[in-house]
PDB file of N, CA and C in Angstrom:
ATOM      1  N   UNK A   1       0.833  -1.186   0.000  1.00  0.00           N
ATOM      2  CA  UNK A   1       0.000   0.000   0.000  1.00  0.00           C
ATOM      3  C   UNK A   1       0.878   1.249   0.000  1.00  0.00           C
ATOM      4  N   UNK A   2       0.552   2.225  -0.825  1.00  0.00           N
ATOM      5  CA  UNK A   2       1.336   3.451  -0.897  1.00  0.00           C
ATOM      6  C   UNK A   2       0.845   4.461   0.133  1.00  0.00           C
ATOM      7  N   UNK A   3       1.753   5.312   0.527  1.00  0.00           N
ATOM      8  CA  UNK A   3       1.406   6.368   1.473  1.00  0.00           C
ATOM      9  C   UNK A   3       0.596   7.450   0.752  1.00  0.00           C
ATOM     10  N   UNK A   4      -0.354   8.062   1.438  1.00  0.00           N
ATOM     11  CA  UNK A   4      -1.061   9.196   0.838  1.00  0.00           C
ATOM     12  C   UNK A   4      -0.091  10.359   0.627  1.00  0.00           C
ATOM     13  N   UNK A   5      -0.356  11.176  -0.345  1.00  0.00           N
ATOM     14  CA  UNK A   5       0.518  12.331  -0.612  1.00  0.00           C
ATOM     15  C   UNK A   5       0.483  13.326   0.531  1.00  0.00           C
ATOM     16  N   UNK A   6      -0.692  13.519   1.123  1.00  0.00           N
ATOM     17  CA  UNK A   6      -0.840  14.502   2.205  1.00  0.00           C
ATOM     18  C   UNK A   6      -1.224  13.771   3.482  1.00  0.00           C
ATOM     19  N   UNK A   7      -0.477  14.035   4.545  1.00  0.00           N
ATOM     20  CA  UNK A   7      -0.761  13.468   5.864  1.00  0.00           C
ATOM     21  C   UNK A   7      -0.781  14.611   6.867  1.00  0.00           C
ATOM     22  N   UNK A   8      -1.841  14.666   7.669  1.00  0.00           N
ATOM     23  CA  UNK A   8      -1.936  15.666   8.725  1.00  0.00           C
ATOM     24  C   UNK A   8      -1.973  14.926  10.055  1.00  0.00           C
ATOM     25  N   UNK A   9      -1.002  15.243  10.914  1.00  0.00           N
ATOM     26  CA  UNK A   9      -0.965  14.663  12.254  1.00  0.00           C
ATOM     27  C   UNK A   9      -1.790  15.569  13.153  1.00  0.00           C
ATOM     28  N   UNK A  10      -2.764  14.984  13.833  1.00  0.00           N
ATOM     29  CA  UNK A  10      -3.766  15.740  14.586  1.00  0.00           C
ATOM     30  C   UNK A  10      -3.903  15.215  16.012  1.00  0.00           C
ATOM     31  N   UNK A  11      -4.701  15.924  16.782  1.00  0.00           N
ATOM     32  CA  UNK A  11      -5.076  15.508  18.130  1.00  0.00           C
ATOM     33  C   UNK A  11      -6.553  15.836  18.307  1.00  0.00           C
ATOM     34  N   UNK A  12      -7.285  14.923  18.930  1.00  0.00           N
ATOM     35  CA  UNK A  12      -8.698  15.139  19.208  1.00  0.00           C
ATOM     36  C   UNK A  12      -8.865  16.378  20.078  1.00  0.00           C
ATOM     37  N   UNK A  13      -9.812  17.239  19.726  1.00  0.00           N
ATOM     38  CA  UNK A  13     -10.097  18.435  20.496  1.00  0.00           C
ATOM     39  C   UNK A  13      -9.245  19.636  20.126  1.00  0.00           C
ATOM     40  N   UNK A  14      -8.428  19.521  19.111  1.00  0.00           N
ATOM     41  CA  UNK A  14      -7.524  20.600  18.681  1.00  0.00           C
ATOM     42  C   UNK A  14      -8.204  21.424  17.594  1.00  0.00           C
ATOM     43  N   UNK A  15      -8.508  22.683  17.892  1.00  0.00           N
ATOM     44  CA  UNK A  15      -9.200  23.513  16.903  1.00  0.00           C
ATOM     45  C   UNK A  15      -8.319  23.836  15.699  1.00  0.00           C
ATOM     46  N   UNK A  16      -7.017  23.959  15.890  1.00  0.00           N
ATOM     47  CA  UNK A  16      -6.123  24.181  14.757  1.00  0.00           C
ATOM     48  C   UNK A  16      -6.094  22.952  13.848  1.00  0.00           C
ATOM     49  N   UNK A  17      -6.218  21.781  14.447  1.00  0.00           N
ATOM     50  CA  UNK A  17      -6.257  20.534  13.673  1.00  0.00           C
ATOM     51  C   UNK A  17      -7.497  20.495  12.789  1.00  0.00           C
ATOM     52  N   UNK A  18      -8.620  20.905  13.338  1.00  0.00           N
ATOM     53  CA  UNK A  18      -9.866  20.942  12.562  1.00  0.00           C
ATOM     54  C   UNK A  18      -9.688  21.848  11.350  1.00  0.00           C
ATOM     55  N   UNK A  19      -9.062  23.006  11.550  1.00  0.00           N
ATOM     56  CA  UNK A  19      -8.841  23.941  10.451  1.00  0.00           C
ATOM     57  C   UNK A  19      -7.904  23.352   9.394  1.00  0.00           C
ATOM     58  N   UNK A  20      -6.805  22.744   9.833  1.00  0.00           N
ATOM     59  CA  UNK A  20      -5.833  22.172   8.893  1.00  0.00           C
ATOM     60  C   UNK A  20      -6.449  21.025   8.094  1.00  0.00           C
ATOM     61  N   UNK A  21      -7.227  20.188   8.751  1.00  0.00           N
ATOM     62  CA  UNK A  21      -7.883  19.078   8.063  1.00  0.00           C
ATOM     63  C   UNK A  21      -8.869  19.605   7.017  1.00  0.00           C
ATOM     64  N   UNK A  22      -9.595  20.658   7.347  1.00  0.00           N
ATOM     65  CA  UNK A  22     -10.541  21.234   6.383  1.00  0.00           C
ATOM     66  C   UNK A  22      -9.807  21.748   5.147  1.00  0.00           C
ATOM     67  N   UNK A  23      -8.686  22.417   5.344  1.00  0.00           N
ATOM     68  CA  UNK A  23      -7.888  22.905   4.217  1.00  0.00           C
ATOM     69  C   UNK A  23      -7.374  21.724   3.396  1.00  0.00           C
ATOM     70  N   UNK A  24      -6.814  20.736   4.064  1.00  0.00           N
ATOM     71  CA  UNK A  24      -6.262  19.573   3.364  1.00  0.00           C
ATOM     72  C   UNK A  24      -7.353  18.839   2.586  1.00  0.00           C
ATOM     73  N   UNK A  25      -8.507  18.644   3.182  1.00  0.00           N
ATOM     74  CA  UNK A  25      -9.602  17.952   2.491  1.00  0.00           C
ATOM     75  C   UNK A  25     -10.037  18.723   1.256  1.00  0.00           C
ATOM     76  N   UNK A  26     -10.164  20.027   1.388  1.00  0.00           N
ATOM     77  CA  UNK A  26     -10.617  20.857   0.273  1.00  0.00           C
ATOM     78  C   UNK A  26      -9.606  20.823  -0.888  1.00  0.00           C
ATOM     79  N   UNK A  27      -8.336  21.046  -0.567  1.00  0.00           N
ATOM     80  CA  UNK A  27      -7.311  21.086  -1.615  1.00  0.00           C
ATOM     81  C   UNK A  27      -7.115  19.707  -2.237  1.00  0.00           C
ATOM     82  N   UNK A  28      -7.129  18.669  -1.429  1.00  0.00           N
ATOM     83  CA  UNK A  28      -6.951  17.321  -1.961  1.00  0.00           C
ATOM     84  C   UNK A  28      -8.128  16.910  -2.841  1.00  0.00           C
ATOM     85  N   UNK A  29      -9.327  17.324  -2.477  1.00  0.00           N
ATOM     86  CA  UNK A  29     -10.494  17.031  -3.318  1.00  0.00           C
ATOM     87  C   UNK A  29     -10.365  17.729  -4.667  1.00  0.00           C
ATOM     88  N   UNK A  30      -9.857  18.945  -4.668  1.00  0.00           N
ATOM     89  CA  UNK A  30      -9.689  19.707  -5.904  1.00  0.00           C
ATOM     90  C   UNK A  30      -8.577  19.144  -6.778  1.00  0.00           C
ATOM     91  N   UNK A  31      -7.504  18.658  -6.159  1.00  0.00           N
ATOM     92  CA  UNK A  31      -6.325  18.223  -6.914  1.00  0.00           C
ATOM     93  C   UNK A  31      -6.289  16.720  -7.162  1.00  0.00           C
ATOM     94  N   UNK A  32      -7.133  15.970  -6.457  1.00  0.00           N
ATOM     95  CA  UNK A  32      -7.127  14.524  -6.597  1.00  0.00           C
ATOM     96  C   UNK A  32      -6.037  13.827  -5.799  1.00  0.00           C
ATOM     97  N   UNK A  33      -5.393  14.550  -4.895  1.00  0.00           N
ATOM     98  CA  UNK A  33      -4.333  13.962  -4.073  1.00  0.00           C
ATOM     99  C   UNK A  33      -4.936  13.117  -2.954  1.00  0.00           C
ATOM    100  N   UNK A  34      -4.235  12.048  -2.592  1.00  0.00           N
ATOM    101  CA  UNK A  34      -4.646  11.219  -1.460  1.00  0.00           C
ATOM    102  C   UNK A  34      -4.371  11.969  -0.166  1.00  0.00           C
ATOM    103  N   UNK A  35      -5.218  11.735   0.835  1.00  0.00           N
ATOM    104  CA  UNK A  35      -5.145  12.470   2.092  1.00  0.00           C
ATOM    105  C   UNK A  35      -5.434  11.530   3.253  1.00  0.00           C
ATOM    106  N   UNK A  36      -4.710  11.711   4.366  1.00  0.00           N
ATOM    107  CA  UNK A  36      -4.970  10.916   5.570  1.00  0.00           C
ATOM    108  C   UNK A  36      -4.641  11.749   6.798  1.00  0.00           C
ATOM    109  N   UNK A  37      -5.251  11.369   7.915  1.00  0.00           N
ATOM    110  CA  UNK A  37      -4.895  11.960   9.201  1.00  0.00           C
ATOM    111  C   UNK A  37      -4.338  10.862  10.091  1.00  0.00           C
ATOM    112  N   UNK A  38      -3.449  11.261  10.988  1.00  0.00           N
ATOM    113  CA  UNK A  38      -2.901  10.358  11.996  1.00  0.00           C
ATOM    114  C   UNK A  38      -3.059  11.023  13.348  1.00  0.00           C
ATOM    115  N   UNK A  39      -3.497  10.276  14.334  1.00  0.00           N
ATOM    116  CA  UNK A  39      -3.695  10.786  15.690  1.00  0.00           C
ATOM    117  C   UNK A  39      -2.388  10.690  16.468  1.00  0.00           C
ATOM    118  N   UNK A  40      -1.852  11.828  16.857  1.00  0.00           N
ATOM    119  CA  UNK A  40      -0.574  11.876  17.561  1.00  0.00           C
ATOM    120  C   UNK A  40      -0.622  11.112  18.882  1.00  0.00           C
ATOM    121  N   UNK A  41      -1.785  11.051  19.507  1.00  0.00           N
ATOM    122  CA  UNK A  41      -1.916  10.375  20.798  1.00  0.00           C
ATOM    123  C   UNK A  41      -2.139   8.870  20.669  1.00  0.00           C
ATOM    124  N   UNK A  42      -2.417   8.396  19.471  1.00  0.00           N
ATOM    125  CA  UNK A  42      -2.699   6.973  19.272  1.00  0.00           C
ATOM    126  C   UNK A  42      -1.468   6.184  18.835  1.00  0.00           C
ATOM    127  N   UNK A  43      -0.398   6.885  18.484  1.00  0.00           N
ATOM    128  CA  UNK A  43       0.790   6.207  17.961  1.00  0.00           C
ATOM    129  C   UNK A  43       2.035   6.766  18.634  1.00  0.00           C
ATOM    130  N   UNK A  44       2.697   5.986  19.486  1.00  0.00           N
ATOM    131  CA  UNK A  44       3.899   6.457  20.168  1.00  0.00           C
ATOM    132  C   UNK A  44       5.000   6.907  19.205  1.00  0.00           C
ATOM    133  N   UNK A  45       5.003   6.409  17.991  1.00  0.00           N
ATOM    134  CA  UNK A  45       6.009   6.809  17.014  1.00  0.00           C
ATOM    135  C   UNK A  45       5.848   8.272  16.591  1.00  0.00           C
ATOM    136  N   UNK A  46       4.704   8.851  16.862  1.00  0.00           N
ATOM    137  CA  UNK A  46       4.445  10.249  16.486  1.00  0.00           C
ATOM    138  C   UNK A  46       4.709  11.223  17.628  1.00  0.00           C
ATOM    139  N   UNK A  47       5.222  10.743  18.741  1.00  0.00           N
ATOM    140  CA  UNK A  47       5.401  11.558  19.949  1.00  0.00           C
ATOM    141  C   UNK A  47       6.218  12.823  19.711  1.00  0.00           C
ATOM    142  N   UNK A  48       7.148  12.790  18.786  1.00  0.00           N
ATOM    143  CA  UNK A  48       7.980  13.973  18.536  1.00  0.00           C
ATOM    144  C   UNK A  48       7.144  15.162  18.042  1.00  0.00           C
ATOM    145  N   UNK A  49       5.941  14.900  17.557  1.00  0.00           N
ATOM    146  CA  UNK A  49       5.078  15.961  17.031  1.00  0.00           C
ATOM    147  C   UNK A  49       4.045  16.458  18.047  1.00  0.00           C
ATOM    148  N   UNK A  50       4.073  15.927  19.247  1.00  0.00           N
ATOM    149  CA  UNK A  50       2.999  16.190  20.209  1.00  0.00           C
ATOM    150  C   UNK A  50       2.785  17.671  20.522  1.00  0.00           C
ATOM    151  N   UNK A  51       3.839  18.474  20.514  1.00  0.00           N
ATOM    152  CA  UNK A  51       3.709  19.898  20.836  1.00  0.00           C
ATOM    153  C   UNK A  51       3.473  20.773  19.618  1.00  0.00           C
ATOM    154  N   UNK A  52       3.375  20.169  18.445  1.00  0.00           N
ATOM    155  CA  UNK A  52       3.308  20.962  17.223  1.00  0.00           C
ATOM    156  C   UNK A  52       2.090  20.678  16.352  1.00  0.00           C
ATOM    157  N   UNK A  53       1.127  19.916  16.847  1.00  0.00           N
ATOM    158  CA  UNK A  53      -0.031  19.579  16.012  1.00  0.00           C
ATOM    159  C   UNK A  53      -0.863  20.810  15.705  1.00  0.00           C
ATOM    160  N   UNK A  54      -1.440  20.849  14.534  1.00  0.00           N
ATOM    161  CA  UNK A  54      -1.309  19.888  13.461  1.00  0.00           C
ATOM    162  C   UNK A  54       0.026  20.045  12.721  1.00  0.00           C
ATOM    163  N   UNK A  55       0.515  18.929  12.235  1.00  0.00           N
ATOM    164  CA  UNK A  55       1.716  18.904  11.406  1.00  0.00           C
ATOM    165  C   UNK A  55       1.306  18.292  10.074  1.00  0.00           C
ATOM    166  N   UNK A  56       1.608  18.998   8.990  1.00  0.00           N
ATOM    167  CA  UNK A  56       1.212  18.539   7.663  1.00  0.00           C
ATOM    168  C   UNK A  56       2.439  18.138   6.858  1.00  0.00           C
ATOM    169  N   UNK A  57       2.343  16.962   6.254  1.00  0.00           N
ATOM    170  CA  UNK A  57       3.403  16.441   5.393  1.00  0.00           C
ATOM    171  C   UNK A  57       2.864  16.263   3.982  1.00  0.00           C
ATOM    172  N   UNK A  58       3.705  16.554   3.007  1.00  0.00           N
ATOM    173  CA  UNK A  58       3.392  16.282   1.610  1.00  0.00           C
ATOM    174  C   UNK A  58       4.530  15.428   1.059  1.00  0.00           C
ATOM    175  N   UNK A  59       4.172  14.278   0.536  1.00  0.00           N
ATOM    176  CA  UNK A  59       5.160  13.341   0.001  1.00  0.00           C
ATOM    177  C   UNK A  59       6.264  13.035   1.010  1.00  0.00           C
ATOM    178  N   UNK A  60       5.886  12.931   2.286  1.00  0.00           N
ATOM    179  CA  UNK A  60       6.825  12.561   3.340  1.00  0.00           C
ATOM    180  C   UNK A  60       7.678  13.691   3.885  1.00  0.00           C
ATOM    181  N   UNK A  61       7.515  14.890   3.366  1.00  0.00           N
ATOM    182  CA  UNK A  61       8.293  16.041   3.833  1.00  0.00           C
ATOM    183  C   UNK A  61       7.381  17.011   4.576  1.00  0.00           C
ATOM    184  N   UNK A  62       7.864  17.503   5.719  1.00  0.00           N
ATOM    185  CA  UNK A  62       7.036  18.428   6.504  1.00  0.00           C
ATOM    186  C   UNK A  62       6.826  19.722   5.732  1.00  0.00           C
ATOM    187  N   UNK A  63       5.563  20.100   5.622  1.00  0.00           N
ATOM    188  CA  UNK A  63       5.186  21.334   4.938  1.00  0.00           C
ATOM    189  C   UNK A  63       4.832  22.428   5.934  1.00  0.00           C
ATOM    190  N   UNK A  64       4.105  22.062   6.998  1.00  0.00           N
ATOM    191  CA  UNK A  64       3.600  23.097   7.906  1.00  0.00           C
ATOM    192  C   UNK A  64       3.364  22.530   9.297  1.00  0.00           C
ATOM    193  N   UNK A  65       3.505  23.415  10.285  1.00  0.00           N
ATOM    194  CA  UNK A  65       3.061  23.105  11.642  1.00  0.00           C
ATOM    195  C   UNK A  65       2.088  24.197  12.063  1.00  0.00           C
ATOM    196  N   UNK A  66       1.147  23.829  12.879  1.00  0.00           N
ATOM    197  CA  UNK A  66       0.110  24.692  13.442  1.00  0.00           C
ATOM    198  C   UNK A  66      -0.896  25.223  12.438  1.00  0.00           C
ATOM    199  N   UNK A  67      -0.452  25.859  11.361  1.00  0.00           N
ATOM    200  CA  UNK A  67      -1.370  26.463  10.392  1.00  0.00           C
ATOM    201  C   UNK A  67      -1.048  25.949   8.997  1.00  0.00           C
ATOM    202  N   UNK A  68      -2.083  25.595   8.238  1.00  0.00           N
ATOM    203  CA  UNK A  68      -1.897  25.109   6.872  1.00  0.00           C
ATOM    204  C   UNK A  68      -2.517  26.110   5.910  1.00  0.00           C
ATOM    205  N   UNK A  69      -1.697  26.648   5.026  1.00  0.00           N
ATOM    206  CA  UNK A  69      -2.123  27.622   4.034  1.00  0.00           C
ATOM    207  C   UNK A  69      -2.529  26.898   2.740  1.00  0.00           C
ATOM    208  N   UNK A  70      -3.699  27.227   2.219  1.00  0.00           N
ATOM    209  CA  UNK A  70      -4.204  26.558   1.019  1.00  0.00           C
ATOM    210  C   UNK A  70      -3.265  26.705  -0.169  1.00  0.00           C
ATOM    211  N   UNK A  71      -2.794  27.910  -0.404  1.00  0.00           N
ATOM    212  CA  UNK A  71      -1.927  28.143  -1.560  1.00  0.00           C
ATOM    213  C   UNK A  71      -0.599  27.411  -1.413  1.00  0.00           C
ATOM    214  N   UNK A  72      -0.074  27.367  -0.201  1.00  0.00           N
ATOM    215  CA  UNK A  72       1.174  26.646   0.043  1.00  0.00           C
ATOM    216  C   UNK A  72       0.983  25.159  -0.244  1.00  0.00           C
ATOM    217  N   UNK A  73      -0.149  24.603   0.181  1.00  0.00           N
ATOM    218  CA  UNK A  73      -0.424  23.198  -0.071  1.00  0.00           C
ATOM    219  C   UNK A  73      -0.607  22.937  -1.554  1.00  0.00           C
ATOM    220  N   UNK A  74      -1.342  23.793  -2.252  1.00  0.00           N
ATOM    221  CA  UNK A  74      -1.513  23.642  -3.707  1.00  0.00           C
ATOM    222  C   UNK A  74      -0.166  23.659  -4.418  1.00  0.00           C
ATOM    223  N   UNK A  75       0.697  24.578  -4.014  1.00  0.00           N
ATOM    224  CA  UNK A  75       2.024  24.685  -4.643  1.00  0.00           C
ATOM    225  C   UNK A  75       2.841  23.413  -4.385  1.00  0.00           C
ATOM    226  N   UNK A  76       2.775  22.889  -3.174  1.00  0.00           N
ATOM    227  CA  UNK A  76       3.527  21.680  -2.836  1.00  0.00           C
ATOM    228  C   UNK A  76       3.027  20.478  -3.622  1.00  0.00           C
ATOM    229  N   UNK A  77       1.745  20.471  -3.931  1.00  0.00           N
ATOM    230  CA  UNK A  77       1.164  19.360  -4.683  1.00  0.00           C
ATOM    231  C   UNK A  77       1.342  19.530  -6.199  1.00  0.00           C
ATOM    232  N   UNK A  78       1.643  20.772  -6.615  1.00  0.00           N
ATOM    233  CA  UNK A  78       1.748  21.097  -8.024  1.00  0.00           C
ATOM    234  C   UNK A  78       2.767  20.333  -8.756  1.00  0.00           C
TER     235      UNK A  78
END
C-alpha cells in the first residue's frame, strides 16, 4: 500500500487541527491527491510531534506546523 501524498498529524479536540484538516480535504479534493490523518496520541512513534499539532506532510516532507495555508499546499502538490 502506498502512502497518501498529504498526511496531517492531529489531536482530538484541537481547533487548529480541525482547520488544517478542512484545508487539506478541500485542496486534496480539488487536486485529486490522497489524504490521511494520523492521531498523535494513538501512535507512540508520532510523539515527537505532540507539541506541534497539526503537522502537515506532503510526500513525506514536513510542509507546515500549526497552520496550513491553502496556496502553500496547492504549490507543494503542483
